[in-house]
Amino acid sequence: MYYDWDEKPDLNITPMVDIMLVLLAILMVIAPNIIYEEDIKLPQGSASKQIVKIPPVHIVIKKDLSLTVNKENFQLNSFSDNFYKYSRKLDLKATVMISADKSLDYGVVMKILGAVKQSGFLEVSLATNG
């Protein structure tokens, strides 16, 4: 028996391609209609607790060293004590915005900032024009 090692077998892949195309067509028709559904148990939210926006506190220091806190006037020399009493009516979680005239001394603004911090406010910022 003689076998020719150089002979290459002919592969007929046409039936395999036909079967794959039929399967692909079936998959393309069925895939948009597949609905996957899984029951998910979500945690309950707290419906009673609502987010409340706290109004900010605006402090304005004018050129003549007069102070205005939410439309109430204060004097610079007694600001620390009076603002501490006034802050007991406010929410200490509120944001404090300090606006000062640019010609004022830096120490005056820092004195007001220190008094606000000593009153218990945590979010204090200096407002600018820019």
C-alpha atoms as a PDB file:
ATOM      1  CA  MET A   1       0.000   0.000   0.000  1.00  0.00           C
ATOM      2  CA  TYR A   2       1.415   3.241  -1.141  1.00  0.00           C
ATOM      3  CA  TYR A   3       0.522   6.629   0.511  1.00  0.00           C
ATOM      4  CA  ASP A   4       1.445   9.952  -1.021  1.00  0.00           C
ATOM      5  CA  TRP A   5       2.474  12.308   1.788  1.00  0.00           C
ATOM      6  CA  ASP A   6       2.369  15.349  -0.478  1.00  0.00           C
ATOM      7  CA  GLU A   7      -1.314  14.947  -1.202  1.00  0.00           C
ATOM      8  CA  LYS A   8      -3.467  17.634   0.427  1.00  0.00           C
ATOM      9  CA  PRO A   9      -7.006  16.726   1.400  1.00  0.00           C
ATOM     10  CA  ASP A  10      -9.824  18.935   0.122  1.00  0.00           C
ATOM     11  CA  LEU A  11     -11.983  20.287   2.912  1.00  0.00           C
ATOM     12  CA  ASN A  12     -15.569  21.122   2.159  1.00  0.00           C
ATOM     13  CA  ILE A  13     -16.575  23.838   4.653  1.00  0.00           C
ATOM     14  CA  THR A  14     -19.719  24.946   2.823  1.00  0.00           C
ATOM     15  CA  PRO A  15     -22.106  22.883   4.995  1.00  0.00           C
ATOM     16  CA  MET A  16     -20.488  24.223   8.165  1.00  0.00           C
ATOM     17  CA  VAL A  17     -20.838  27.843   6.946  1.00  0.00           C
ATOM     18  CA  ASP A  18     -24.481  27.220   6.045  1.00  0.00           C
ATOM     19  CA  ILE A  19     -25.234  25.893   9.516  1.00  0.00           C
ATOM     20  CA  MET A  20     -23.471  28.858  11.199  1.00  0.00           C
ATOM     21  CA  LEU A  21     -25.400  31.375   9.077  1.00  0.00           C
ATOM     22  CA  VAL A  22     -28.716  29.716   9.970  1.00  0.00           C
ATOM     23  CA  LEU A  23     -27.797  29.800  13.683  1.00  0.00           C
ATOM     24  CA  LEU A  24     -26.746  33.452  13.380  1.00  0.00           C
ATOM     25  CA  ALA A  25     -30.046  34.356  11.720  1.00  0.00           C
ATOM     26  CA  ILE A  26     -32.001  32.580  14.464  1.00  0.00           C
ATOM     27  CA  LEU A  27     -30.003  34.375  17.149  1.00  0.00           C
ATOM     28  CA  MET A  28     -30.548  37.780  15.488  1.00  0.00           C
ATOM     29  CA  VAL A  29     -34.317  37.215  15.359  1.00  0.00           C
ATOM     30  CA  ILE A  30     -34.655  35.931  18.936  1.00  0.00           C
ATOM     31  CA  ALA A  31     -32.197  38.240  20.763  1.00  0.00           C
ATOM     32  CA  PRO A  32     -34.339  41.433  20.781  1.00  0.00           C
ATOM     33  CA  ASN A  33     -37.238  39.511  22.304  1.00  0.00           C
ATOM     34  CA  ILE A  34     -35.301  38.075  25.242  1.00  0.00           C
ATOM     35  CA  ILE A  35     -36.370  39.730  28.502  1.00  0.00           C
ATOM     36  CA  TYR A  36     -34.281  39.104  31.573  1.00  0.00           C
ATOM     37  CA  GLU A  37     -35.956  39.962  34.834  1.00  0.00           C
ATOM     38  CA  GLU A  38     -34.688  39.555  38.345  1.00  0.00           C
ATOM     39  CA  ASP A  39     -36.455  40.612  41.512  1.00  0.00           C
ATOM     40  CA  ILE A  40     -34.355  43.100  43.455  1.00  0.00           C
ATOM     41  CA  LYS A  41     -35.234  44.100  46.991  1.00  0.00           C
ATOM     42  CA  LEU A  42     -34.185  47.723  47.440  1.00  0.00           C
ATOM     43  CA  PRO A  43     -33.725  49.277  50.884  1.00  0.00           C
ATOM     44  CA  GLN A  44     -36.391  51.644  52.140  1.00  0.00           C
ATOM     45  CA  GLY A  45     -35.488  55.311  52.088  1.00  0.00           C
ATOM     46  CA  SER A  46     -36.300  57.720  54.870  1.00  0.00           C
ATOM     47  CA  ALA A  47     -39.308  59.604  53.570  1.00  0.00           C
ATOM     48  CA  SER A  48     -39.647  61.623  56.756  1.00  0.00           C
ATOM     49  CA  LYS A  49     -36.184  63.195  56.584  1.00  0.00           C
ATOM     50  CA  GLN A  50     -36.038  65.999  54.056  1.00  0.00           C
ATOM     51  CA  ILE A  51     -33.107  68.135  53.079  1.00  0.00           C
ATOM     52  CA  VAL A  52     -33.487  71.610  54.499  1.00  0.00           C
ATOM     53  CA  LYS A  53     -31.460  74.422  52.992  1.00  0.00           C
ATOM     54  CA  ILE A  54     -29.925  76.530  55.730  1.00  0.00           C
ATOM     55  CA  PRO A  55     -29.877  80.241  54.868  1.00  0.00           C
ATOM     56  CA  PRO A  56     -26.352  81.692  54.875  1.00  0.00           C
ATOM     57  CA  VAL A  57     -25.191  84.445  57.229  1.00  0.00           C
ATOM     58  CA  HIS A  58     -23.902  87.560  55.444  1.00  0.00           C
ATOM     59  CA  ILE A  59     -21.491  89.854  57.287  1.00  0.00           C
ATOM     60  CA  VAL A  60     -20.625  93.137  55.585  1.00  0.00           C
ATOM     61  CA  ILE A  61     -17.803  95.344  56.899  1.00  0.00           C
ATOM     62  CA  LYS A  62     -17.986  98.870  55.511  1.00  0.00           C
ATOM     63  CA  LYS A  63     -15.229 101.425  55.101  1.00  0.00           C
ATOM     64  CA  ASP A  64     -16.325 103.316  58.238  1.00  0.00           C
ATOM     65  CA  LEU A  65     -15.944 100.068  60.288  1.00  0.00           C
ATOM     66  CA  SER A  66     -19.679  99.580  60.705  1.00  0.00           C
ATOM     67  CA  LEU A  67     -20.821  95.972  60.506  1.00  0.00           C
ATOM     68  CA  THR A  68     -24.051  94.502  59.172  1.00  0.00           C
ATOM     69  CA  VAL A  69     -25.030  90.911  59.911  1.00  0.00           C
ATOM     70  CA  ASN A  70     -28.163  89.845  58.014  1.00  0.00           C
ATOM     71  CA  LYS A  71     -29.456  93.452  58.007  1.00  0.00           C
ATOM     72  CA  GLU A  72     -28.705  94.002  61.734  1.00  0.00           C
ATOM     73  CA  ASN A  73     -26.103  96.604  62.657  1.00  0.00           C
ATOM     74  CA  PHE A  74     -23.183  95.959  65.024  1.00  0.00           C
ATOM     75  CA  GLN A  75     -20.268  98.027  66.324  1.00  0.00           C
ATOM     76  CA  LEU A  76     -16.709  96.814  65.785  1.00  0.00           C
ATOM     77  CA  ASN A  77     -15.507  97.225  69.378  1.00  0.00           C
ATOM     78  CA  SER A  78     -18.311  95.072  70.840  1.00  0.00           C
ATOM     79  CA  PHE A  79     -18.782  92.721  67.898  1.00  0.00           C
ATOM     80  CA  SER A  80     -17.391  89.571  69.531  1.00  0.00           C
ATOM     81  CA  ASP A  81     -19.810  89.550  72.460  1.00  0.00           C
ATOM     82  CA  ASN A  82     -22.839  90.787  70.547  1.00  0.00           C
ATOM     83  CA  PHE A  83     -22.304  88.370  67.659  1.00  0.00           C
ATOM     84  CA  TYR A  84     -21.947  85.456  70.094  1.00  0.00           C
ATOM     85  CA  LYS A  85     -25.360  86.344  71.571  1.00  0.00           C
ATOM     86  CA  TYR A  86     -26.831  86.854  68.097  1.00  0.00           C
ATOM     87  CA  SER A  87     -25.422  83.558  66.809  1.00  0.00           C
ATOM     88  CA  ARG A  88     -27.411  81.564  69.404  1.00  0.00           C
ATOM     89  CA  LYS A  89     -30.505  82.351  67.288  1.00  0.00           C
ATOM     90  CA  LEU A  90     -28.799  81.024  64.130  1.00  0.00           C
ATOM     91  CA  ASP A  91     -27.963  77.518  62.939  1.00  0.00           C
ATOM     92  CA  LEU A  92     -24.254  76.892  63.484  1.00  0.00           C
ATOM     93  CA  LYS A  93     -24.159  74.684  60.361  1.00  0.00           C
ATOM     94  CA  ALA A  94     -24.917  77.724  58.183  1.00  0.00           C
ATOM     95  CA  THR A  95     -22.294  79.156  55.847  1.00  0.00           C
ATOM     96  CA  VAL A  96     -20.947  82.577  56.864  1.00  0.00           C
ATOM     97  CA  MET A  97     -19.923  84.970  54.083  1.00  0.00           C
ATOM     98  CA  ILE A  98     -17.746  87.931  55.101  1.00  0.00           C
ATOM     99  CA  SER A  99     -17.599  90.853  52.665  1.00  0.00           C
ATOM    100  CA  ALA A 100     -15.226  93.694  53.509  1.00  0.00           C
ATOM    101  CA  ASP A 101     -14.162  96.909  51.845  1.00  0.00           C
ATOM    102  CA  LYS A 102     -10.772  96.452  50.195  1.00  0.00           C
ATOM    103  CA  SER A 103      -9.317  99.544  51.885  1.00  0.00           C
ATOM    104  CA  LEU A 104      -9.756  98.020  55.354  1.00  0.00           C
ATOM    105  CA  ASP A 105      -6.867  96.735  57.403  1.00  0.00           C
ATOM    106  CA  TYR A 106      -6.314  92.983  57.192  1.00  0.00           C
ATOM    107  CA  GLY A 107      -6.320  92.742  61.000  1.00  0.00           C
ATOM    108  CA  VAL A 108      -9.873  94.086  61.212  1.00  0.00           C
ATOM    109  CA  VAL A 109     -11.171  91.397  58.874  1.00  0.00           C
ATOM    110  CA  MET A 110      -9.252  88.680  60.754  1.00  0.00           C
ATOM    111  CA  LYS A 111     -10.685  89.943  64.058  1.00  0.00           C
ATOM    112  CA  ILE A 112     -14.203  89.509  62.680  1.00  0.00           C
ATOM    113  CA  LEU A 113     -13.268  86.094  61.252  1.00  0.00           C
ATOM    114  CA  GLY A 114     -11.931  85.010  64.653  1.00  0.00           C
ATOM    115  CA  ALA A 115     -15.104  86.167  66.417  1.00  0.00           C
ATOM    116  CA  VAL A 116     -17.229  84.183  63.965  1.00  0.00           C
ATOM    117  CA  LYS A 117     -15.085  81.061  64.474  1.00  0.00           C
ATOM    118  CA  GLN A 118     -15.271  81.437  68.274  1.00  0.00           C
ATOM    119  CA  SER A 119     -19.053  81.604  68.036  1.00  0.00           C
ATOM    120  CA  GLY A 120     -19.037  78.051  66.680  1.00  0.00           C
ATOM    121  CA  PHE A 121     -19.452  78.453  62.928  1.00  0.00           C
ATOM    122  CA  LEU A 122     -17.398  75.978  60.889  1.00  0.00           C
ATOM    123  CA  GLU A 123     -17.999  77.156  57.308  1.00  0.00           C
ATOM    124  CA  VAL A 124     -16.665  80.701  57.053  1.00  0.00           C
ATOM    125  CA  SER A 125     -15.546  82.246  53.772  1.00  0.00           C
ATOM    126  CA  LEU A 126     -14.359  85.608  52.554  1.00  0.00           C
ATOM    127  CA  ALA A 127     -16.285  87.031  49.593  1.00  0.00           C
ATOM    128  CA  THR A 128     -14.475  88.722  46.706  1.00  0.00           C
ATOM    129  CA  ASN A 129     -15.439  90.585  43.542  1.00  0.00           C
ATOM    130  CA  GLY A 130     -13.590  88.236  41.252  1.00  0.00           C
END
